[in-house]
C-alpha atoms as a PDB file:
ATOM      1  CA  UNK A   1      -4.079  33.927  17.451  1.00  0.00           C
ATOM      2  CA  UNK A   2      -2.858  30.337  18.312  1.00  0.00           C
ATOM      3  CA  UNK A   3      -0.066  29.259  15.674  1.00  0.00           C
ATOM      4  CA  UNK A   4      -1.342  26.349  13.711  1.00  0.00           C
ATOM      5  CA  UNK A   5       0.097  23.026  13.474  1.00  0.00           C
ATOM      6  CA  UNK A   6       0.214  21.884   9.877  1.00  0.00           C
ATOM      7  CA  UNK A   7      -0.834  18.351   9.069  1.00  0.00           C
ATOM      8  CA  UNK A   8       1.036  17.559   5.608  1.00  0.00           C
ATOM      9  CA  UNK A   9      -1.310  14.733   3.653  1.00  0.00           C
ATOM     10  CA  UNK A  10      -0.979  12.980   0.337  1.00  0.00           C
ATOM     11  CA  UNK A  11      -4.449  10.910   0.449  1.00  0.00           C
ATOM     12  CA  UNK A  12      -2.905   7.561   0.768  1.00  0.00           C
ATOM     13  CA  UNK A  13      -3.695   5.106   3.674  1.00  0.00           C
ATOM     14  CA  UNK A  14      -0.209   5.578   5.030  1.00  0.00           C
ATOM     15  CA  UNK A  15       0.092   8.935   5.002  1.00  0.00           C
ATOM     16  CA  UNK A  16      -3.175   9.057   7.458  1.00  0.00           C
ATOM     17  CA  UNK A  17      -1.548   6.144   9.526  1.00  0.00           C
ATOM     18  CA  UNK A  18       1.476   8.259   9.801  1.00  0.00           C
ATOM     19  CA  UNK A  19      -0.432  11.728  10.288  1.00  0.00           C
ATOM     20  CA  UNK A  20      -2.698   9.919  13.261  1.00  0.00           C
ATOM     21  CA  UNK A  21       0.982   8.724  14.633  1.00  0.00           C
ATOM     22  CA  UNK A  22       2.499  12.259  14.969  1.00  0.00           C
ATOM     23  CA  UNK A  23      -1.000  13.722  16.247  1.00  0.00           C
ATOM     24  CA  UNK A  24      -0.785  11.011  18.981  1.00  0.00           C
ATOM     25  CA  UNK A  25       2.975  11.940  19.848  1.00  0.00           C
ATOM     26  CA  UNK A  26       2.222  15.622  20.012  1.00  0.00           C
ATOM     27  CA  UNK A  27      -1.670  16.083  20.089  1.00  0.00           C
ATOM     28  CA  UNK A  28      -3.560  18.611  18.419  1.00  0.00           C
ATOM     29  CA  UNK A  29      -4.090  21.246  20.825  1.00  0.00           C
ATOM     30  CA  UNK A  30      -4.775  24.949  19.286  1.00  0.00           C
ATOM     31  CA  UNK A  31      -5.893  25.080  15.552  1.00  0.00           C
ATOM     32  CA  UNK A  32      -4.811  22.595  12.959  1.00  0.00           C
ATOM     33  CA  UNK A  33      -4.636  23.098   9.310  1.00  0.00           C
ATOM     34  CA  UNK A  34      -4.934  19.761   7.014  1.00  0.00           C
ATOM     35  CA  UNK A  35      -2.581  20.880   3.797  1.00  0.00           C
ATOM     36  CA  UNK A  36      -2.166  18.976   0.698  1.00  0.00           C
ATOM     37  CA  UNK A  37      -0.298  20.235  -2.202  1.00  0.00           C
ATOM     38  CA  UNK A  38      -1.514  19.135  -5.677  1.00  0.00           C
ATOM     39  CA  UNK A  39       0.373  18.974  -9.157  1.00  0.00           C
ATOM     40  CA  UNK A  40       0.325  22.295 -11.202  1.00  0.00           C
ATOM     41  CA  UNK A  41       0.059  21.381 -14.742  1.00  0.00           C
ATOM     42  CA  UNK A  42       2.806  22.815 -16.976  1.00  0.00           C
ATOM     43  CA  UNK A  43       1.688  25.729 -18.828  1.00  0.00           C
ATOM     44  CA  UNK A  44       3.704  24.844 -21.705  1.00  0.00           C
ATOM     45  CA  UNK A  45       1.207  22.440 -22.544  1.00  0.00           C
ATOM     46  CA  UNK A  46      -1.095  25.271 -23.701  1.00  0.00           C
ATOM     47  CA  UNK A  47       1.992  27.810 -24.959  1.00  0.00           C
ATOM     48  CA  UNK A  48       4.028  25.259 -26.000  1.00  0.00           C
ATOM     49  CA  UNK A  49       8.179  25.017 -25.769  1.00  0.00           C
ATOM     50  CA  UNK A  50       9.019  27.622 -29.123  1.00  0.00           C
ATOM     51  CA  UNK A  51       9.918  24.699 -30.869  1.00  0.00           C
ATOM     52  CA  UNK A  52       6.983  22.670 -30.601  1.00  0.00           C
ATOM     53  CA  UNK A  53       3.295  24.325 -30.066  1.00  0.00           C
ATOM     54  CA  UNK A  54       0.891  23.804 -27.276  1.00  0.00           C
ATOM     55  CA  UNK A  55      -1.019  20.205 -26.938  1.00  0.00           C
ATOM     56  CA  UNK A  56      -3.793  21.340 -24.787  1.00  0.00           C
ATOM     57  CA  UNK A  57      -6.473  24.472 -25.159  1.00  0.00           C
ATOM     58  CA  UNK A  58      -6.642  27.001 -22.368  1.00  0.00           C
ATOM     59  CA  UNK A  59     -10.057  25.778 -21.347  1.00  0.00           C
ATOM     60  CA  UNK A  60      -8.775  22.078 -20.974  1.00  0.00           C
ATOM     61  CA  UNK A  61      -5.747  23.801 -18.953  1.00  0.00           C
ATOM     62  CA  UNK A  62      -8.004  25.604 -16.476  1.00  0.00           C
ATOM     63  CA  UNK A  63     -10.622  22.485 -16.414  1.00  0.00           C
ATOM     64  CA  UNK A  64      -7.405  20.333 -15.119  1.00  0.00           C
ATOM     65  CA  UNK A  65      -6.069  23.167 -12.590  1.00  0.00           C
ATOM     66  CA  UNK A  66      -9.759  23.172 -11.492  1.00  0.00           C
ATOM     67  CA  UNK A  67     -10.254  19.321 -11.115  1.00  0.00           C
ATOM     68  CA  UNK A  68      -6.746  19.098  -9.111  1.00  0.00           C
ATOM     69  CA  UNK A  69      -8.086  21.360  -6.920  1.00  0.00           C
ATOM     70  CA  UNK A  70     -11.236  19.419  -5.977  1.00  0.00           C
ATOM     71  CA  UNK A  71      -9.401  16.287  -6.025  1.00  0.00           C
ATOM     72  CA  UNK A  72      -7.198  18.181  -3.233  1.00  0.00           C
ATOM     73  CA  UNK A  73     -10.033  19.312  -1.299  1.00  0.00           C
ATOM     74  CA  UNK A  74     -11.733  16.165  -1.398  1.00  0.00           C
ATOM     75  CA  UNK A  75      -8.483  14.218  -0.147  1.00  0.00           C
ATOM     76  CA  UNK A  76      -8.206  16.685   2.373  1.00  0.00           C
ATOM     77  CA  UNK A  77     -11.929  16.545   3.831  1.00  0.00           C
ATOM     78  CA  UNK A  78     -11.277  12.969   3.897  1.00  0.00           C
ATOM     79  CA  UNK A  79      -8.169  13.272   5.997  1.00  0.00           C
ATOM     80  CA  UNK A  80     -10.049  15.450   8.291  1.00  0.00           C
ATOM     81  CA  UNK A  81     -12.889  12.685   8.396  1.00  0.00           C
ATOM     82  CA  UNK A  82     -10.544   9.649   9.012  1.00  0.00           C
ATOM     83  CA  UNK A  83      -8.565  11.277  11.616  1.00  0.00           C
ATOM     84  CA  UNK A  84     -11.536  12.995  13.435  1.00  0.00           C
ATOM     85  CA  UNK A  85     -10.406  16.775  13.073  1.00  0.00           C
ATOM     86  CA  UNK A  86     -13.887  18.235  12.557  1.00  0.00           C
ATOM     87  CA  UNK A  87     -13.300  21.856  12.596  1.00  0.00           C
ATOM     88  CA  UNK A  88      -9.707  21.602  11.307  1.00  0.00           C
ATOM     89  CA  UNK A  89      -8.970  24.185   8.097  1.00  0.00           C
ATOM     90  CA  UNK A  90      -8.218  22.961   4.879  1.00  0.00           C
ATOM     91  CA  UNK A  91      -5.554  24.441   2.398  1.00  0.00           C
ATOM     92  CA  UNK A  92      -4.958  23.078  -1.086  1.00  0.00           C
ATOM     93  CA  UNK A  93      -1.899  24.368  -2.428  1.00  0.00           C
ATOM     94  CA  UNK A  94      -0.671  23.869  -6.310  1.00  0.00           C
ATOM     95  CA  UNK A  95       2.977  22.890  -6.921  1.00  0.00           C
ATOM     96  CA  UNK A  96       6.436  21.234  -5.916  1.00  0.00           C
ATOM     97  CA  UNK A  97       5.099  20.075  -2.219  1.00  0.00           C
ATOM     98  CA  UNK A  98       8.274  20.766  -0.408  1.00  0.00           C
ATOM     99  CA  UNK A  99       8.671  24.399  -1.216  1.00  0.00           C
ATOM    100  CA  UNK A 100       4.792  25.025  -1.126  1.00  0.00           C
ATOM    101  CA  UNK A 101       4.748  23.337   2.331  1.00  0.00           C
ATOM    102  CA  UNK A 102       7.676  25.503   3.609  1.00  0.00           C
ATOM    103  CA  UNK A 103       6.414  28.748   2.302  1.00  0.00           C
ATOM    104  CA  UNK A 104       2.861  28.366   3.639  1.00  0.00           C
ATOM    105  CA  UNK A 105       4.173  27.127   6.921  1.00  0.00           C
ATOM    106  CA  UNK A 106       6.041  30.606   7.251  1.00  0.00           C
ATOM    107  CA  UNK A 107       2.852  32.312   5.959  1.00  0.00           C
ATOM    108  CA  UNK A 108       0.873  31.313   8.690  1.00  0.00           C
ATOM    109  CA  UNK A 109       3.660  31.240  11.397  1.00  0.00           C
ATOM    110  CA  UNK A 110       2.913  27.351  11.652  1.00  0.00           C
ATOM    111  CA  UNK A 111       3.789  26.128  15.394  1.00  0.00           C
ATOM    112  CA  UNK A 112       4.954  22.922  13.478  1.00  0.00           C
ATOM    113  CA  UNK A 113       4.552  20.677  10.913  1.00  0.00           C
ATOM    114  CA  UNK A 114       3.731  16.919  10.866  1.00  0.00           C
ATOM    115  CA  UNK A 115       4.044  14.758   7.664  1.00  0.00           C
ATOM    116  CA  UNK A 116       4.922  11.017   7.193  1.00  0.00           C
ATOM    117  CA  UNK A 117       7.480   9.210   4.995  1.00  0.00           C
ATOM    118  CA  UNK A 118       7.383   6.222   3.136  1.00  0.00           C
ATOM    119  CA  UNK A 119      10.881   5.256   3.939  1.00  0.00           C
ATOM    120  CA  UNK A 120      12.218   4.729   0.656  1.00  0.00           C
ATOM    121  CA  UNK A 121      15.767   3.685   0.363  1.00  0.00           C
ATOM    122  CA  UNK A 122      18.481   6.012  -0.569  1.00  0.00           C
ATOM    123  CA  UNK A 123      18.707   5.459  -4.345  1.00  0.00           C
ATOM    124  CA  UNK A 124      15.004   6.006  -4.849  1.00  0.00           C
ATOM    125  CA  UNK A 125      15.261   9.378  -2.370  1.00  0.00           C
ATOM    126  CA  UNK A 126      18.258  10.310  -4.250  1.00  0.00           C
ATOM    127  CA  UNK A 127      16.379   9.847  -7.774  1.00  0.00           C
ATOM    128  CA  UNK A 128      12.930  11.169  -6.701  1.00  0.00           C
ATOM    129  CA  UNK A 129      13.950  13.448  -3.966  1.00  0.00           C
ATOM    130  CA  UNK A 130      12.019  13.376  -0.599  1.00  0.00           C
ATOM    131  CA  UNK A 131       9.630  16.062   0.503  1.00  0.00           C
ATOM    132  CA  UNK A 132      10.159  15.003   4.207  1.00  0.00           C
ATOM    133  CA  UNK A 133      13.859  15.195   3.876  1.00  0.00           C
ATOM    134  CA  UNK A 134      13.408  19.080   2.327  1.00  0.00           C
ATOM    135  CA  UNK A 135      11.031  20.002   4.830  1.00  0.00           C
ATOM    136  CA  UNK A 136      13.061  18.860   7.855  1.00  0.00           C
ATOM    137  CA  UNK A 137      16.307  20.578   6.215  1.00  0.00           C
ATOM    138  CA  UNK A 138      14.813  23.941   5.625  1.00  0.00           C
ATOM    139  CA  UNK A 139      11.591  24.656   7.979  1.00  0.00           C
ATOM    140  CA  UNK A 140      11.979  27.348  10.421  1.00  0.00           C
ATOM    141  CA  UNK A 141       9.788  25.551  13.037  1.00  0.00           C
ATOM    142  CA  UNK A 142       9.816  22.025  14.060  1.00  0.00           C
ATOM    143  CA  UNK A 143       9.044  19.357  11.922  1.00  0.00           C
ATOM    144  CA  UNK A 144       7.753  15.762  12.919  1.00  0.00           C
ATOM    145  CA  UNK A 145       8.211  13.018  10.565  1.00  0.00           C
ATOM    146  CA  UNK A 146       6.689   9.708  11.374  1.00  0.00           C
ATOM    147  CA  UNK A 147       5.866   6.440   9.399  1.00  0.00           C
ATOM    148  CA  UNK A 148       2.613   4.231  10.070  1.00  0.00           C
ATOM    149  CA  UNK A 149       2.577   2.375  13.338  1.00  0.00           C
ATOM    150  CA  UNK A 150       2.600  -0.790  11.765  1.00  0.00           C
ATOM    151  CA  UNK A 151       5.946  -0.186   9.975  1.00  0.00           C
ATOM    152  CA  UNK A 152       4.995  -1.632   6.544  1.00  0.00           C
ATOM    153  CA  UNK A 153       5.141   0.159   3.251  1.00  0.00           C
END
Protein backbone atom coordinates (compact mmCIF):
# COMPACT_ATOMS: atom_id res chain seq x y z
CA UNK A 1 0.00 0.00 0.00
CA UNK A 2 1.23 3.48 -0.85
CA UNK A 3 1.86 5.77 2.08
CA UNK A 4 -0.64 8.65 2.16
CA UNK A 5 -0.01 12.38 2.08
CA UNK A 6 -1.89 14.18 4.85
CA UNK A 7 -3.50 17.52 4.08
CA UNK A 8 -4.42 19.16 7.38
CA UNK A 9 -7.28 21.61 6.99
CA UNK A 10 -8.97 24.01 9.37
CA UNK A 11 -11.67 25.04 6.92
CA UNK A 12 -10.60 28.63 6.49
CA UNK A 13 -10.16 30.11 3.04
CA UNK A 14 -6.50 30.80 3.92
CA UNK A 15 -5.95 27.17 4.90
CA UNK A 16 -7.34 25.98 1.57
CA UNK A 17 -5.10 28.39 -0.33
CA UNK A 18 -2.10 27.18 1.67
CA UNK A 19 -2.96 23.53 1.00
CA UNK A 20 -3.27 24.30 -2.72
CA UNK A 21 0.17 25.95 -2.62
CA UNK A 22 1.59 22.88 -0.89
CA UNK A 23 0.04 20.54 -3.46
CA UNK A 24 1.36 22.71 -6.28
CA UNK A 25 4.81 22.44 -4.72
CA UNK A 26 4.95 18.69 -4.07
CA UNK A 27 2.16 17.22 -6.17
CA UNK A 28 -0.57 14.82 -5.19
CA UNK A 29 0.69 11.53 -6.62
CA UNK A 30 -0.46 8.63 -4.49
CA UNK A 31 -3.14 8.50 -1.82
CA UNK A 32 -4.25 11.71 -0.12
CA UNK A 33 -6.05 12.05 3.19
CA UNK A 34 -7.76 15.32 4.05
CA UNK A 35 -7.56 15.54 7.82
CA UNK A 36 -9.27 17.92 10.19
CA UNK A 37 -9.29 17.98 13.97
CA UNK A 38 -12.40 19.17 15.78
CA UNK A 39 -12.82 20.45 19.30
CA UNK A 40 -13.38 17.76 21.91
CA UNK A 41 -15.77 18.98 24.63
CA UNK A 42 -14.52 18.70 28.19
CA UNK A 43 -16.17 15.74 30.00
CA UNK A 44 -16.24 17.85 33.15
CA UNK A 45 -19.13 19.74 31.56
CA UNK A 46 -21.14 16.63 32.47
CA UNK A 47 -19.34 15.26 35.53
CA UNK A 48 -18.43 18.51 37.22
CA UNK A 49 -15.11 19.34 38.80
CA UNK A 50 -15.56 17.91 42.29
CA UNK A 51 -16.26 21.39 43.59
CA UNK A 52 -19.09 22.27 41.24
CA UNK A 53 -21.56 20.02 39.48
CA UNK A 54 -21.85 19.48 35.75
CA UNK A 55 -23.55 22.06 33.57
CA UNK A 56 -24.49 19.81 30.66
CA UNK A 57 -26.49 16.61 30.41
CA UNK A 58 -24.87 13.48 29.00
CA UNK A 59 -27.30 13.66 26.08
CA UNK A 60 -26.37 17.27 25.30
CA UNK A 61 -22.68 16.34 25.54
CA UNK A 62 -23.13 13.44 23.10
CA UNK A 63 -25.08 15.73 20.77
CA UNK A 64 -22.21 18.25 20.85
CA UNK A 65 -19.67 15.52 20.06
CA UNK A 66 -21.81 14.38 17.09
CA UNK A 67 -22.31 17.97 15.87
CA UNK A 68 -18.55 18.63 16.02
CA UNK A 69 -17.86 15.44 14.04
CA UNK A 70 -20.51 16.35 11.44
CA UNK A 71 -19.07 19.86 11.12
CA UNK A 72 -15.60 18.37 10.63
CA UNK A 73 -16.89 15.99 7.98
CA UNK A 74 -18.58 18.85 6.10
CA UNK A 75 -15.41 20.95 6.37
CA UNK A 76 -13.24 18.16 4.97
CA UNK A 77 -15.69 17.48 2.13
CA UNK A 78 -15.64 21.16 1.17
CA UNK A 79 -11.81 21.10 1.10
CA UNK A 80 -11.86 18.00 -1.11
CA UNK A 81 -14.29 19.74 -3.46
CA UNK A 82 -12.47 23.10 -3.50
CA UNK A 83 -9.09 21.47 -4.16
CA UNK A 84 -10.47 19.05 -6.75
CA UNK A 85 -9.33 15.99 -4.81
CA UNK A 86 -12.25 13.68 -5.54
CA UNK A 87 -11.34 10.24 -4.26
CA UNK A 88 -9.32 11.59 -1.34
CA UNK A 89 -9.99 9.93 1.97
CA UNK A 90 -11.47 12.09 4.73
CA UNK A 91 -10.61 11.76 8.40
CA UNK A 92 -12.05 13.73 11.28
CA UNK A 93 -10.28 13.49 14.63
CA UNK A 94 -11.10 15.14 17.95
CA UNK A 95 -8.77 16.70 20.47
CA UNK A 96 -5.63 18.82 20.45
CA UNK A 97 -4.73 19.34 16.78
CA UNK A 98 -0.95 19.01 16.93
CA UNK A 99 -0.86 15.76 18.86
CA UNK A 100 -3.77 14.27 16.90
CA UNK A 101 -2.10 15.04 13.55
CA UNK A 102 1.18 13.49 14.71
CA UNK A 103 -0.46 10.36 16.12
CA UNK A 104 -2.48 9.83 12.95
CA UNK A 105 0.58 10.40 10.74
CA UNK A 106 2.38 7.66 12.70
CA UNK A 107 -0.64 5.34 12.53
CA UNK A 108 -0.88 5.51 8.72
CA UNK A 109 2.87 5.82 8.08
CA UNK A 110 2.28 9.10 6.25
CA UNK A 111 4.79 10.00 3.56
CA UNK A 112 4.32 13.65 4.46
CA UNK A 113 2.15 16.27 6.13
CA UNK A 114 1.01 19.50 4.48
CA UNK A 115 -0.50 22.27 6.56
CA UNK A 116 -0.86 25.99 6.40
CA UNK A 117 0.27 28.68 8.74
CA UNK A 118 -1.30 32.02 9.31
CA UNK A 119 2.04 33.59 10.16
CA UNK A 120 0.98 35.07 13.48
CA UNK A 121 3.67 37.04 15.25
CA UNK A 122 5.83 35.59 17.99
CA UNK A 123 3.77 36.89 20.93
CA UNK A 124 0.48 35.49 19.68
CA UNK A 125 2.15 32.20 18.78
CA UNK A 126 3.77 32.04 22.24
CA UNK A 127 0.46 32.65 23.97
CA UNK A 128 -1.77 30.48 21.79
CA UNK A 129 0.72 27.88 20.61
CA UNK A 130 1.15 26.93 17.01
CA UNK A 131 -0.03 23.70 15.50
CA UNK A 132 2.44 24.04 12.63
CA UNK A 133 5.36 24.65 15.03
CA UNK A 134 4.41 21.61 17.09
CA UNK A 135 4.00 19.36 14.05
CA UNK A 136 7.25 20.37 12.37
CA UNK A 137 9.22 19.88 15.59
CA UNK A 138 7.84 16.44 16.39
CA UNK A 139 6.89 14.75 13.11
CA UNK A 140 8.75 11.65 11.99
CA UNK A 141 7.93 12.30 8.33
CA UNK A 142 8.54 15.32 6.08
CA UNK A 143 6.36 18.35 6.80
CA UNK A 144 5.53 21.11 4.33
CA UNK A 145 4.20 24.29 5.91
CA UNK A 146 2.85 26.80 3.47
CA UNK A 147 1.18 30.15 3.59
CA UNK A 148 -1.31 31.22 1.02
CA UNK A 149 0.08 32.81 -2.15
CA UNK A 150 -1.20 36.37 -1.68
CA UNK A 151 0.64 36.67 1.64
CA UNK A 152 -2.26 38.35 3.42
CA UNK A 153 -3.73 37.11 6.68
